[in-house]
Amino acid sequence: MIEHPDITRALQTGYPDVDIEYPPHCPACGCECDYFYRDCSGAVFGCENCVERVDAEEDDET
C-alpha cells in the first residue's frame, strides 16, 4: 500500500512537514509587532510598541 509522503514523513520523524509562520518581532524590544520604524540609513530602530510618536509642534524638548 502506498502512503502519502506527508504521512510517511510524520511516521518516520514524528513531525509533519508544515511551514509555521511566526509573527515578526522587534529587534530593539523583542515584542511581536506589525510595523518596524527605520532611520535615514535604513536601520530598524524600533516598532509601534517601543517608539513613541510625538507631534513636532507640541514637543517642548526640542
C-alpha atoms as a PDB file:
ATOM      1  CA  MET A   1       0.000   0.000   0.000  1.00  0.00           C
ATOM      2  CA  ILE A   2       1.369   3.396  -0.992  1.00  0.00           C
ATOM      3  CA  GLU A   3       1.044   6.070   1.654  1.00  0.00           C
ATOM      4  CA  HIS A   4       1.039   9.805   1.210  1.00  0.00           C
ATOM      5  CA  PRO A   5       4.548  11.329   1.606  1.00  0.00           C
ATOM      6  CA  ASP A   6       3.365  13.556   4.462  1.00  0.00           C
ATOM      7  CA  ILE A   7       2.117  10.527   6.402  1.00  0.00           C
ATOM      8  CA  THR A   8       5.354   8.628   5.775  1.00  0.00           C
ATOM      9  CA  ARG A   9       7.431  11.635   6.922  1.00  0.00           C
ATOM     10  CA  ALA A  10       5.323  12.078  10.053  1.00  0.00           C
ATOM     11  CA  LEU A  11       5.663   8.384  10.923  1.00  0.00           C
ATOM     12  CA  GLN A  12       9.442   8.445  10.381  1.00  0.00           C
ATOM     13  CA  THR A  13      10.267  11.737  12.096  1.00  0.00           C
ATOM     14  CA  GLY A  14       7.302  12.342  14.363  1.00  0.00           C
ATOM     15  CA  TYR A  15       6.716  15.737  12.782  1.00  0.00           C
ATOM     16  CA  PRO A  16       4.538  16.797   9.862  1.00  0.00           C
ATOM     17  CA  ASP A  17       6.074  18.912   7.099  1.00  0.00           C
ATOM     18  CA  VAL A  18       4.349  22.228   7.758  1.00  0.00           C
ATOM     19  CA  ASP A  19       5.546  25.774   7.395  1.00  0.00           C
ATOM     20  CA  ILE A  20       4.754  27.609  10.605  1.00  0.00           C
ATOM     21  CA  GLU A  21       4.616  31.374  10.197  1.00  0.00           C
ATOM     22  CA  TYR A  22       5.877  33.183  13.258  1.00  0.00           C
ATOM     23  CA  PRO A  23       4.846  36.809  13.805  1.00  0.00           C
ATOM     24  CA  PRO A  24       7.649  39.350  13.355  1.00  0.00           C
ATOM     25  CA  HIS A  25       9.479  40.532  16.467  1.00  0.00           C
ATOM     26  CA  CYS A  26      11.094  43.917  17.002  1.00  0.00           C
ATOM     27  CA  PRO A  27      14.909  43.742  17.074  1.00  0.00           C
ATOM     28  CA  ALA A  28      15.008  46.557  19.652  1.00  0.00           C
ATOM     29  CA  CYS A  29      12.470  45.401  22.270  1.00  0.00           C
ATOM     30  CA  GLY A  30      11.629  41.834  21.203  1.00  0.00           C
ATOM     31  CA  CYS A  31       7.849  42.361  21.177  1.00  0.00           C
ATOM     32  CA  GLU A  32       5.560  40.990  18.485  1.00  0.00           C
ATOM     33  CA  CYS A  33       4.736  43.856  16.154  1.00  0.00           C
ATOM     34  CA  ASP A  34       3.045  44.862  12.922  1.00  0.00           C
ATOM     35  CA  TYR A  35       5.363  47.716  11.880  1.00  0.00           C
ATOM     36  CA  PHE A  36       9.086  48.490  12.078  1.00  0.00           C
ATOM     37  CA  TYR A  37      10.489  52.016  12.068  1.00  0.00           C
ATOM     38  CA  ARG A  38      13.681  52.756  10.137  1.00  0.00           C
ATOM     39  CA  ASP A  39      16.075  55.668  10.369  1.00  0.00           C
ATOM     40  CA  CYS A  40      17.506  57.544   7.364  1.00  0.00           C
ATOM     41  CA  SER A  41      20.205  54.914   6.829  1.00  0.00           C
ATOM     42  CA  GLY A  42      17.618  52.113   6.689  1.00  0.00           C
ATOM     43  CA  ALA A  43      18.447  50.537  10.056  1.00  0.00           C
ATOM     44  CA  VAL A  44      15.463  49.367  12.122  1.00  0.00           C
ATOM     45  CA  PHE A  45      15.376  51.213  15.452  1.00  0.00           C
ATOM     46  CA  GLY A  46      12.019  50.175  16.912  1.00  0.00           C
ATOM     47  CA  CYS A  47       8.367  49.272  16.488  1.00  0.00           C
ATOM     48  CA  GLU A  48       4.946  50.598  17.469  1.00  0.00           C
ATOM     49  CA  ASN A  49       5.447  49.140  20.964  1.00  0.00           C
ATOM     50  CA  CYS A  50       8.744  50.834  21.849  1.00  0.00           C
ATOM     51  CA  VAL A  51       8.731  54.072  19.799  1.00  0.00           C
ATOM     52  CA  GLU A  52       6.569  56.977  20.889  1.00  0.00           C
ATOM     53  CA  ARG A  53       5.069  59.292  18.279  1.00  0.00           C
ATOM     54  CA  VAL A  54       5.303  62.965  19.255  1.00  0.00           C
ATOM     55  CA  ASP A  55       3.708  65.933  17.498  1.00  0.00           C
ATOM     56  CA  ALA A  56       6.547  68.201  16.350  1.00  0.00           C
ATOM     57  CA  GLU A  57       4.607  71.407  17.044  1.00  0.00           C
ATOM     58  CA  GLU A  58       3.715  70.420  20.615  1.00  0.00           C
ATOM     59  CA  ASP A  59       7.078  68.920  21.599  1.00  0.00           C
ATOM     60  CA  ASP A  60       8.730  71.100  24.269  1.00  0.00           C
ATOM     61  CA  GLU A  61      12.031  69.171  24.366  1.00  0.00           C
ATOM     62  CA  THR A  62      13.405  70.484  21.040  1.00  0.00           C
END
